[in-house]
N, C-alpha and C. Protein backbone atom coordinates (compact mmCIF):
# COMPACT_ATOMS: atom_id res chain seq x y z
N UNK A 1 1.01 -0.95 -0.05
CA UNK A 1 -0.01 -0.21 -0.34
C UNK A 1 1.13 0.96 -0.19
N UNK A 2 0.65 1.96 -1.08
CA UNK A 2 1.59 3.03 -0.95
C UNK A 2 0.86 4.45 -1.16
N UNK A 3 1.18 5.55 -0.01
CA UNK A 3 0.46 6.60 0.06
C UNK A 3 1.30 7.86 -0.89
N UNK A 4 0.78 8.42 -1.43
CA UNK A 4 1.44 9.34 -1.85
C UNK A 4 1.29 10.83 -1.47
N UNK A 5 2.01 11.40 -0.88
CA UNK A 5 1.91 13.03 -0.27
C UNK A 5 2.95 14.16 -0.86
N UNK A 6 1.96 15.08 -1.14
CA UNK A 6 2.42 15.94 -2.22
C UNK A 6 3.07 16.66 -0.88
N UNK A 7 4.52 17.40 -0.88
CA UNK A 7 5.02 18.22 0.03
C UNK A 7 4.59 19.77 -0.59
N UNK A 8 4.71 20.67 0.30
CA UNK A 8 4.52 21.91 -0.40
C UNK A 8 5.57 22.34 -0.75
N UNK A 9 5.98 23.59 -1.75
CA UNK A 9 7.11 23.91 -2.18
C UNK A 9 8.00 24.41 -1.34
N UNK A 10 7.97 24.69 0.07
CA UNK A 10 9.11 25.06 1.12
C UNK A 10 9.44 23.85 1.59
N UNK A 11 9.18 22.42 0.50
CA UNK A 11 9.51 21.01 1.90
C UNK A 11 8.41 20.91 3.16
N UNK A 12 7.60 21.13 3.45
CA UNK A 12 7.24 21.41 4.41
C UNK A 12 6.06 20.25 4.26
N UNK A 13 4.73 20.10 5.13
CA UNK A 13 3.93 19.35 4.85
C UNK A 13 2.63 19.48 4.09
N UNK A 14 1.60 18.68 3.51
CA UNK A 14 1.41 19.25 2.19
C UNK A 14 0.45 19.82 2.77
N UNK A 15 -0.03 20.56 1.75
CA UNK A 15 -1.20 21.82 2.11
C UNK A 15 -2.63 21.26 1.81
N UNK A 16 -3.39 20.86 3.20
CA UNK A 16 -4.62 20.33 3.42
C UNK A 16 -5.71 20.92 2.72
N UNK A 17 -5.77 22.15 2.97
CA UNK A 17 -6.74 23.44 2.46
C UNK A 17 -6.72 22.81 0.60
N UNK A 18 -6.00 22.91 0.20
CA UNK A 18 -5.43 22.64 -1.38
C UNK A 18 -6.33 21.19 -1.64
N UNK A 19 -5.79 19.93 -0.93
CA UNK A 19 -5.97 19.14 -1.02
C UNK A 19 -7.82 18.72 -1.10
N UNK A 20 -8.10 19.63 -0.19
CA UNK A 20 -9.81 19.58 -0.25
C UNK A 20 -10.77 20.38 -1.01
N UNK A 21 -9.53 21.33 -1.99
CA UNK A 21 -10.43 21.85 -2.96
C UNK A 21 -10.82 23.04 -2.68
N UNK A 22 -9.99 23.53 -1.72
CA UNK A 22 -10.22 24.71 -0.97
C UNK A 22 -9.07 25.97 -1.49
N UNK A 23 -8.94 27.47 -1.52
CA UNK A 23 -8.23 28.27 -1.83
C UNK A 23 -7.71 28.57 -3.13
N UNK A 24 -6.66 27.61 -3.72
CA UNK A 24 -6.29 27.56 -5.01
C UNK A 24 -7.37 27.16 -6.29
N UNK A 25 -7.43 28.24 -7.04
CA UNK A 25 -8.79 28.12 -7.90
C UNK A 25 -7.67 28.28 -9.35
N UNK A 26 -8.18 27.55 -10.32
CA UNK A 26 -7.17 27.81 -11.59
C UNK A 26 -8.51 28.11 -12.69
N UNK A 27 -8.40 29.12 -13.23
CA UNK A 27 -9.12 30.03 -13.77
C UNK A 27 -9.14 29.76 -15.04
N UNK A 28 -10.13 29.17 -15.43
CA UNK A 28 -10.49 28.44 -16.72
C UNK A 28 -10.43 29.98 -17.89
N UNK A 29 -9.80 30.11 -18.75
CA UNK A 29 -9.81 31.03 -19.52
C UNK A 29 -11.33 31.66 -20.15
N UNK A 30 -11.78 30.26 -20.40
CA UNK A 30 -13.37 30.51 -21.22
C UNK A 30 -14.43 29.89 -20.22
N UNK A 31 -14.31 30.42 -18.55
CA UNK A 31 -15.14 30.02 -17.60
C UNK A 31 -16.34 31.13 -17.75
N UNK A 32 -15.67 32.33 -17.72
CA UNK A 32 -16.96 33.41 -18.09
C UNK A 32 -17.86 33.21 -18.81
N UNK A 33 -17.28 32.74 -20.20
CA UNK A 33 -18.07 32.79 -21.58
C UNK A 33 -18.56 31.21 -21.19
N UNK A 34 -18.07 30.33 -20.98
CA UNK A 34 -19.05 29.28 -20.51
C UNK A 34 -20.17 29.31 -19.54
N UNK A 35 -20.30 29.90 -18.64
CA UNK A 35 -20.99 30.35 -17.43
C UNK A 35 -22.14 31.42 -18.42
N UNK A 36 -21.78 32.28 -19.13
CA UNK A 36 -22.67 33.06 -19.76
C UNK A 36 -23.44 32.47 -20.62
N UNK A 37 -22.90 31.43 -21.51
CA UNK A 37 -23.67 30.56 -22.57
C UNK A 37 -24.45 29.61 -21.40
N UNK A 38 -24.18 28.98 -20.55
CA UNK A 38 -24.90 28.22 -19.53
C UNK A 38 -26.54 28.75 -19.29
N UNK A 39 -26.14 30.10 -18.73
CA UNK A 39 -27.35 31.12 -18.42
C UNK A 39 -27.88 30.82 -19.25
N UNK A 40 -27.42 31.96 -20.29
CA UNK A 40 -28.52 31.94 -21.90
C UNK A 40 -29.32 30.87 -22.00
N UNK A 41 -28.67 29.76 -22.28
CA UNK A 41 -29.17 28.37 -22.55
C UNK A 41 -30.84 28.10 -21.55
N UNK A 42 -30.10 28.30 -20.14
CA UNK A 42 -31.26 28.23 -19.36
C UNK A 42 -32.19 29.05 -19.33
N UNK A 43 -32.09 30.57 -19.73
CA UNK A 43 -32.82 31.13 -19.76
C UNK A 43 -33.98 31.20 -20.77
N UNK A 44 -33.15 30.41 -22.17
CA UNK A 44 -33.77 30.12 -23.36
C UNK A 44 -35.08 29.24 -22.98
N UNK A 45 -34.45 27.88 -22.06
CA UNK A 45 -35.05 26.57 -21.77
C UNK A 45 -36.59 27.22 -21.31
N UNK A 46 -36.18 28.51 -20.35
CA UNK A 46 -37.29 28.76 -19.04
C UNK A 46 -38.41 29.34 -20.13
N UNK A 47 -37.98 30.50 -21.49
CA UNK A 47 -38.95 30.97 -22.09
C UNK A 47 -39.77 29.69 -22.77
N UNK A 48 -38.88 29.02 -23.42
CA UNK A 48 -39.40 27.89 -24.25
C UNK A 48 -40.72 27.14 -23.31
N UNK A 49 -40.30 26.89 -21.88
CA UNK A 49 -41.62 25.98 -20.87
C UNK A 49 -42.47 26.81 -20.91
N UNK A 50 -42.50 28.45 -20.51
CA UNK A 50 -43.59 29.34 -20.48
C UNK A 50 -44.20 29.21 -21.81
N UNK A 51 -43.66 29.48 -22.70
CA UNK A 51 -44.19 29.52 -24.31
C UNK A 51 -45.26 28.13 -24.39
N UNK A 52 -44.78 27.11 -24.08
CA UNK A 52 -45.11 25.78 -24.53
C UNK A 52 -46.76 25.84 -23.22
N UNK A 53 -46.28 26.15 -21.60
CA UNK A 53 -47.62 26.23 -20.98
C UNK A 53 -48.57 27.00 -21.36
N UNK A 54 -48.18 28.27 -21.50
CA UNK A 54 -49.21 29.39 -21.88
C UNK A 54 -49.72 28.45 -23.45
N UNK A 55 -49.44 28.23 -24.42
CA UNK A 55 -49.93 27.36 -25.43
C UNK A 55 -51.24 26.19 -24.94
N UNK A 56 -50.35 25.48 -23.98
CA UNK A 56 -51.29 24.38 -23.46
C UNK A 56 -52.73 24.74 -22.97
N UNK A 57 -52.67 26.26 -21.89
CA UNK A 57 -53.54 26.53 -21.64
C UNK A 57 -54.75 27.31 -22.11
N UNK A 58 -54.06 27.74 -23.22
CA UNK A 58 -55.17 28.68 -24.15
C UNK A 58 -55.79 27.25 -25.05
N UNK A 59 -55.09 26.20 -25.19
CA UNK A 59 -55.94 25.19 -25.77
C UNK A 59 -56.89 24.49 -24.72
N UNK A 60 -56.64 24.36 -23.57
CA UNK A 60 -57.82 24.25 -22.47
C UNK A 60 -58.60 25.22 -22.39
N UNK A 61 -58.39 26.59 -22.32
CA UNK A 61 -59.43 27.37 -22.32
C UNK A 61 -60.46 27.35 -23.12
N UNK A 62 -60.09 27.25 -24.52
CA UNK A 62 -60.95 27.11 -25.73
C UNK A 62 -61.80 26.10 -25.50
N UNK A 63 -61.25 24.59 -25.38
CA UNK A 63 -62.36 23.33 -24.81
C UNK A 63 -62.95 23.93 -23.99
N UNK A 64 -62.57 24.50 -22.77
CA UNK A 64 -63.41 24.79 -21.37
C UNK A 64 -64.76 25.91 -22.25
N UNK A 65 -64.67 26.94 -23.04
CA UNK A 65 -65.27 27.34 -23.57
C UNK A 65 -66.34 26.98 -24.30
N UNK A 66 -65.83 26.18 -25.55
CA UNK A 66 -66.72 25.09 -25.83
C UNK A 66 -67.48 24.26 -25.19
N UNK A 67 -67.36 23.67 -24.25
CA UNK A 67 -68.20 23.13 -23.48
C UNK A 67 -69.26 24.12 -22.56
N UNK A 68 -68.69 24.97 -22.20
CA UNK A 68 -69.72 26.22 -21.57
C UNK A 68 -70.49 26.21 -22.01
N UNK A 69 -69.92 27.37 -23.61
CA UNK A 69 -71.05 27.21 -24.82
C UNK A 69 -72.46 26.35 -24.73
N UNK A 70 -71.81 24.96 -25.24
CA UNK A 70 -72.44 23.75 -25.67
C UNK A 70 -73.55 23.53 -24.37
N UNK A 71 -73.19 23.61 -22.89
CA UNK A 71 -74.19 23.25 -22.03
C UNK A 71 -75.41 24.55 -21.39
N UNK A 72 -74.51 25.70 -21.68
CA UNK A 72 -75.05 26.86 -21.41
C UNK A 72 -74.26 27.77 -20.00
N UNK A 73 -73.11 26.81 -19.16
CA UNK A 73 -72.42 27.15 -18.55
C UNK A 73 -71.89 28.49 -18.25
N UNK A 74 -71.88 29.41 -17.38
CA UNK A 74 -71.34 30.58 -17.33
C UNK A 74 -69.87 30.34 -16.74
N UNK A 75 -68.71 31.24 -16.76
CA UNK A 75 -67.63 30.91 -16.55
C UNK A 75 -67.55 31.23 -14.82
N UNK A 76 -66.92 30.43 -14.34
CA UNK A 76 -66.66 30.82 -13.07
C UNK A 76 -66.71 32.13 -12.53
N UNK A 77 -65.79 32.79 -12.83
CA UNK A 77 -65.73 34.16 -12.15
C UNK A 77 -67.00 35.56 -12.23
N UNK A 78 -67.44 34.66 -13.68
CA UNK A 78 -68.64 35.98 -13.71
C UNK A 78 -69.70 35.39 -13.52
N UNK A 79 -69.79 33.75 -12.80
CA UNK A 79 -71.19 33.35 -12.09
C UNK A 79 -70.81 34.13 -10.63
N UNK A 80 -69.69 33.88 -10.05
CA UNK A 80 -69.18 34.43 -8.77
C UNK A 80 -69.46 35.86 -8.62
N UNK A 81 -69.05 36.29 -9.57
CA UNK A 81 -69.24 38.46 -9.76
C UNK A 81 -70.93 38.51 -9.49
N UNK A 82 -71.56 37.82 -10.31
CA UNK A 82 -73.07 38.05 -10.27
C UNK A 82 -74.04 37.71 -9.07
N UNK A 83 -73.40 36.40 -8.40
CA UNK A 83 -73.73 36.02 -7.03
C UNK A 83 -73.39 37.36 -5.92
N UNK A 84 -72.15 37.60 -6.13
CA UNK A 84 -72.13 38.46 -4.80
C UNK A 84 -72.76 39.67 -4.96
N UNK A 85 -72.91 40.08 -6.62
CA UNK A 85 -73.57 41.48 -6.81
C UNK A 85 -75.13 41.42 -6.19
N UNK A 86 -75.61 39.70 -6.43
CA UNK A 86 -76.74 39.48 -5.99
C UNK A 86 -77.07 39.82 -4.48
N UNK A 87 -75.96 39.33 -3.90
CA UNK A 87 -75.72 39.39 -2.44
C UNK A 87 -76.16 40.73 -1.85
N UNK A 88 -75.25 41.66 -2.59
CA UNK A 88 -74.95 42.73 -1.97
C UNK A 88 -76.15 43.86 -2.24
N UNK A 89 -76.65 43.82 -3.36
CA UNK A 89 -78.05 44.57 -3.83
C UNK A 89 -79.13 44.88 -2.75
N UNK A 90 -79.71 43.64 -2.01
CA UNK A 90 -80.45 43.84 -1.49
C UNK A 90 -80.55 44.49 0.07
N UNK A 91 -79.01 44.53 0.22
CA UNK A 91 -78.61 44.85 1.76
C UNK A 91 -78.14 46.40 1.97
N UNK A 92 -78.39 47.16 0.70
CA UNK A 92 -77.86 48.46 0.66
C UNK A 92 -78.39 49.23 1.64
N UNK A 93 -79.46 49.21 1.90
CA UNK A 93 -80.30 50.00 3.06
C UNK A 93 -80.57 49.72 4.42
N UNK A 94 -80.20 48.28 4.63
CA UNK A 94 -80.70 47.44 5.47
C UNK A 94 -79.01 47.58 6.73
N UNK A 95 -79.87 47.55 7.68
CA UNK A 95 -78.83 47.78 8.95
C UNK A 95 -78.46 45.92 9.40
N UNK A 96 -78.93 45.53 9.02
CA UNK A 96 -78.68 43.98 9.53
C UNK A 96 -78.12 43.24 8.69
N UNK A 97 -77.49 41.80 8.79
CA UNK A 97 -76.55 41.37 7.81
C UNK A 97 -77.31 40.61 6.49
N UNK A 98 -76.39 40.91 5.48
CA UNK A 98 -77.30 40.31 3.92
C UNK A 98 -77.66 39.08 4.22
N UNK A 99 -78.77 38.77 3.73
CA UNK A 99 -79.53 37.07 3.97
C UNK A 99 -78.92 36.60 2.83
N UNK A 100 -78.66 35.27 3.06
CA UNK A 100 -78.07 34.40 1.75
C UNK A 100 -79.01 34.10 0.67
N UNK A 101 -78.87 34.35 -0.41
CA UNK A 101 -79.40 34.35 -1.67
C UNK A 101 -80.36 32.70 -1.81
N UNK A 102 -81.62 32.56 -1.74
CA UNK A 102 -82.29 31.53 -1.92
C UNK A 102 -82.40 30.77 -3.63
N UNK A 103 -81.85 29.63 -3.46
CA UNK A 103 -81.86 29.01 -4.93
C UNK A 103 -83.09 28.53 -5.63
N UNK A 104 -83.02 28.84 -7.14
CA UNK A 104 -84.04 28.77 -7.54
C UNK A 104 -84.95 27.42 -7.25
N UNK A 105 -86.16 27.64 -7.03
CA UNK A 105 -87.34 26.03 -6.81
C UNK A 105 -87.31 26.07 -5.65
N UNK A 106 -86.64 26.72 -4.34
CA UNK A 106 -86.78 26.24 -3.29
C UNK A 106 -87.69 27.27 -2.22
N UNK A 107 -88.33 28.04 -3.04
CA UNK A 107 -89.37 29.16 -2.29
C UNK A 107 -90.81 28.69 -2.28
N UNK A 108 -91.75 28.56 -3.08
CA UNK A 108 -92.80 28.34 -3.09
C UNK A 108 -93.42 26.93 -3.13
N UNK A 109 -94.03 26.63 -2.48
CA UNK A 109 -94.18 24.93 -2.75
C UNK A 109 -95.12 24.50 -3.06
N UNK A 110 -95.96 25.55 -3.38
CA UNK A 110 -97.22 25.45 -4.16
C UNK A 110 -96.80 25.11 -5.67
N UNK A 111 -96.13 26.19 -6.11
CA UNK A 111 -95.66 26.03 -7.59
C UNK A 111 -94.76 24.65 -7.49
N UNK A 112 -94.08 24.03 -6.47
CA UNK A 112 -93.21 22.32 -7.01
C UNK A 112 -94.45 21.46 -6.99
N UNK A 113 -95.76 21.52 -6.18
CA UNK A 113 -96.74 20.57 -6.03
C UNK A 113 -97.39 20.56 -7.36
N UNK A 114 -97.45 21.92 -7.64
CA UNK A 114 -98.45 21.63 -9.44
C UNK A 114 -97.69 21.33 -10.28
N UNK A 115 -96.14 21.89 -10.59
CA UNK A 115 -95.40 21.10 -11.50
C UNK A 115 -94.69 19.90 -11.38
N UNK A 116 -95.30 19.15 -10.31
CA UNK A 116 -94.94 17.85 -9.84
C UNK A 116 -96.07 17.33 -10.40
N UNK A 117 -97.24 17.64 -10.34
CA UNK A 117 -98.51 16.93 -10.75
C UNK A 117 -98.70 17.12 -11.98
N UNK A 118 -98.44 17.96 -12.73
CA UNK A 118 -98.52 18.08 -14.05
C UNK A 118 -97.56 17.13 -14.98
N UNK A 119 -96.23 16.85 -14.30
CA UNK A 119 -95.05 16.25 -14.79
C UNK A 119 -95.67 14.89 -14.83
N UNK A 120 -96.15 14.10 -13.48
CA UNK A 120 -97.24 12.65 -13.45
C UNK A 120 -98.01 13.26 -14.33
N UNK A 121 -99.04 13.79 -14.60
CA UNK A 121 -100.12 13.59 -15.38
C UNK A 121 -99.43 13.47 -16.88
N UNK A 122 -98.65 14.05 -17.48
CA UNK A 122 -98.42 13.52 -18.80
C UNK A 122 -97.52 12.28 -18.84
N UNK A 123 -97.44 11.66 -18.27
CA UNK A 123 -96.86 10.05 -18.06
C UNK A 123 -97.86 9.30 -17.62
N UNK A 124 -99.01 9.87 -17.61
CA UNK A 124 -100.06 8.76 -17.20
C UNK A 124 -101.21 8.33 -18.37
N UNK A 125 -101.62 7.39 -18.68
CA UNK A 125 -102.48 7.05 -19.52
C UNK A 125 -103.63 7.84 -19.79
N UNK A 126 -104.34 7.88 -20.73
CA UNK A 126 -105.34 8.88 -20.74
C UNK A 126 -106.52 8.76 -19.76
N UNK A 127 -107.09 7.30 -19.63
CA UNK A 127 -108.20 7.45 -18.76
C UNK A 127 -107.79 7.83 -17.26
N UNK A 128 -106.67 7.32 -17.06
CA UNK A 128 -106.34 7.62 -15.39
C UNK A 128 -105.90 8.95 -15.34
N UNK A 129 -105.51 10.04 -16.48
CA UNK A 129 -105.58 11.13 -16.47
C UNK A 129 -107.08 11.88 -15.95
N UNK A 130 -107.85 11.18 -16.80
CA UNK A 130 -109.44 11.93 -16.80
C UNK A 130 -109.73 11.33 -15.12
N UNK A 131 -109.42 10.41 -14.49
CA UNK A 131 -109.89 10.26 -13.21
C UNK A 131 -109.34 11.34 -12.40
N UNK A 132 -108.24 11.68 -12.34
CA UNK A 132 -107.41 12.11 -11.48
C UNK A 132 -107.66 13.65 -11.39
N UNK A 133 -107.84 14.09 -13.01
CA UNK A 133 -108.45 15.56 -12.97
C UNK A 133 -109.93 15.70 -12.61
N UNK A 134 -110.95 14.62 -11.93
CA UNK A 134 -112.12 15.05 -11.52
C UNK A 134 -112.27 14.82 -10.08
């Protein structure tokens, strides 16, 4: 087993700091240029990534809008803004806290009963409809 220890130029013990990668650095004449090229490559990759993400998001939004149009759904921000406006509107002169908005179909029970009866009547055969109308 052979160990090779390099002695410092003065003939003393080896310089431990240099052995561990400290103090003395060899300057590569192209190091600054290489680092600049590396940074530029990183910036370019980041820009490409952002462009790709923006394109994908635009495609997704186009698809979302198509679905909204097909099913008559409002965009989330628009729907939330309308709901907030509806909540603020009735409470403008009131000293009490605003009431929660009542969803459609939760108010008048009579209208619900009539609409349910009408719906049931549509599916019954003619003689049964006549019996129930009397």
